[in-house]
Amino acid sequence: MTKAGFELLMKWVEEQEKRDQDNFDMYIYNDFSAYGTKEVMDNMVSLLVCGVSRRGTHQLTKGTVAVI
């Protein structure tokens, strides 16, 4: 994994932590954390699709390598 890829991973982990109600000792409703996780995953997929499409490239995906 490249340094840029690792930085992108850490960004997504941070975004996920912002959406976890347990990190803030609060309870809004049952699915709040799951909806936040889904939002982060949607953003990740959107960035990936943008990065691999021929029409557009996103500056965060340039030079990153994902190992799946």
C-alpha atoms as a PDB file:
ATOM      1  CA  MET A   1       0.000   0.000   0.000  1.00  0.00           C
ATOM      2  CA  THR A   2       1.337   3.411  -0.899  1.00  0.00           C
ATOM      3  CA  LYS A   3       1.629   6.309   1.520  1.00  0.00           C
ATOM      4  CA  ALA A   4      -1.247   8.090  -0.261  1.00  0.00           C
ATOM      5  CA  GLY A   5      -3.369   4.928  -0.002  1.00  0.00           C
ATOM      6  CA  PHE A   6      -2.630   4.636   3.718  1.00  0.00           C
ATOM      7  CA  GLU A   7      -3.544   8.290   4.276  1.00  0.00           C
ATOM      8  CA  LEU A   8      -6.818   7.725   2.436  1.00  0.00           C
ATOM      9  CA  LEU A   9      -7.521   4.679   4.619  1.00  0.00           C
ATOM     10  CA  MET A  10      -6.891   6.700   7.774  1.00  0.00           C
ATOM     11  CA  LYS A  11      -9.233   9.415   6.480  1.00  0.00           C
ATOM     12  CA  TRP A  12     -12.039   6.866   6.059  1.00  0.00           C
ATOM     13  CA  VAL A  13     -11.401   5.367   9.497  1.00  0.00           C
ATOM     14  CA  GLU A  14     -11.627   8.853  11.010  1.00  0.00           C
ATOM     15  CA  GLU A  15     -14.852   9.554   9.124  1.00  0.00           C
ATOM     16  CA  GLN A  16     -16.323   6.278  10.413  1.00  0.00           C
ATOM     17  CA  GLU A  17     -15.379   7.125  13.989  1.00  0.00           C
ATOM     18  CA  LYS A  18     -17.199  10.463  13.684  1.00  0.00           C
ATOM     19  CA  ARG A  19     -20.401   8.576  12.878  1.00  0.00           C
ATOM     20  CA  ASP A  20     -20.268   6.016  15.705  1.00  0.00           C
ATOM     21  CA  GLN A  21     -22.584   7.051  18.509  1.00  0.00           C
ATOM     22  CA  ASP A  22     -20.705   4.879  21.024  1.00  0.00           C
ATOM     23  CA  ASN A  23     -17.610   7.074  20.621  1.00  0.00           C
ATOM     24  CA  PHE A  24     -19.613  10.000  22.019  1.00  0.00           C
ATOM     25  CA  ASP A  25     -21.459   8.080  24.786  1.00  0.00           C
ATOM     26  CA  MET A  26     -24.812   8.869  23.237  1.00  0.00           C
ATOM     27  CA  TYR A  27     -27.783   6.964  21.916  1.00  0.00           C
ATOM     28  CA  ILE A  28     -29.990   8.451  19.223  1.00  0.00           C
ATOM     29  CA  TYR A  29     -31.665   5.384  17.816  1.00  0.00           C
ATOM     30  CA  ASN A  30     -30.861   1.796  16.954  1.00  0.00           C
ATOM     31  CA  ASP A  31     -29.543   2.187  13.394  1.00  0.00           C
ATOM     32  CA  PHE A  32     -27.679   5.482  13.689  1.00  0.00           C
ATOM     33  CA  SER A  33     -24.187   3.956  13.615  1.00  0.00           C
ATOM     34  CA  ALA A  34     -25.123   1.597  10.785  1.00  0.00           C
ATOM     35  CA  TYR A  35     -26.415   4.475   8.657  1.00  0.00           C
ATOM     36  CA  GLY A  36     -23.180   6.356   9.300  1.00  0.00           C
ATOM     37  CA  THR A  37     -21.113   3.334   8.274  1.00  0.00           C
ATOM     38  CA  LYS A  38     -23.221   2.967   5.128  1.00  0.00           C
ATOM     39  CA  GLU A  39     -22.611   6.622   4.277  1.00  0.00           C
ATOM     40  CA  VAL A  40     -18.842   6.182   4.618  1.00  0.00           C
ATOM     41  CA  MET A  41     -18.931   3.035   2.465  1.00  0.00           C
ATOM     42  CA  ASP A  42     -20.999   4.854  -0.181  1.00  0.00           C
ATOM     43  CA  ASN A  43     -18.437   7.652  -0.231  1.00  0.00           C
ATOM     44  CA  MET A  44     -15.589   5.149  -0.592  1.00  0.00           C
ATOM     45  CA  VAL A  45     -17.261   3.365  -3.506  1.00  0.00           C
ATOM     46  CA  SER A  46     -18.123   6.681  -5.139  1.00  0.00           C
ATOM     47  CA  LEU A  47     -14.475   7.754  -4.921  1.00  0.00           C
ATOM     48  CA  LEU A  48     -13.310   4.426  -6.332  1.00  0.00           C
ATOM     49  CA  VAL A  49     -15.740   4.591  -9.260  1.00  0.00           C
ATOM     50  CA  CYS A  50     -14.699   8.163  -9.986  1.00  0.00           C
ATOM     51  CA  GLY A  51     -11.042   7.168  -9.834  1.00  0.00           C
ATOM     52  CA  VAL A  52     -11.275   4.243 -12.246  1.00  0.00           C
ATOM     53  CA  SER A  53     -13.655   5.745 -14.764  1.00  0.00           C
ATOM     54  CA  ARG A  54     -12.126   7.023 -17.975  1.00  0.00           C
ATOM     55  CA  ARG A  55     -13.995  10.314 -17.902  1.00  0.00           C
ATOM     56  CA  GLY A  56     -12.924  11.633 -14.538  1.00  0.00           C
ATOM     57  CA  THR A  57     -10.231  11.162 -11.975  1.00  0.00           C
ATOM     58  CA  HIS A  58     -10.255  12.268  -8.402  1.00  0.00           C
ATOM     59  CA  GLN A  59      -7.056  13.747  -6.993  1.00  0.00           C
ATOM     60  CA  LEU A  60      -7.189  11.485  -3.923  1.00  0.00           C
ATOM     61  CA  THR A  61      -7.100   8.326  -6.035  1.00  0.00           C
ATOM     62  CA  LYS A  62      -4.063   9.311  -8.106  1.00  0.00           C
ATOM     63  CA  GLY A  63      -1.116   7.191  -7.097  1.00  0.00           C
ATOM     64  CA  THR A  64      -2.988   5.009  -4.606  1.00  0.00           C
ATOM     65  CA  VAL A  65      -3.071   1.252  -4.788  1.00  0.00           C
ATOM     66  CA  ALA A  66      -5.818  -0.842  -3.267  1.00  0.00           C
ATOM     67  CA  VAL A  67      -5.179  -4.469  -2.412  1.00  0.00           C
ATOM     68  CA  ILE A  68      -8.376  -6.472  -2.132  1.00  0.00           C
END
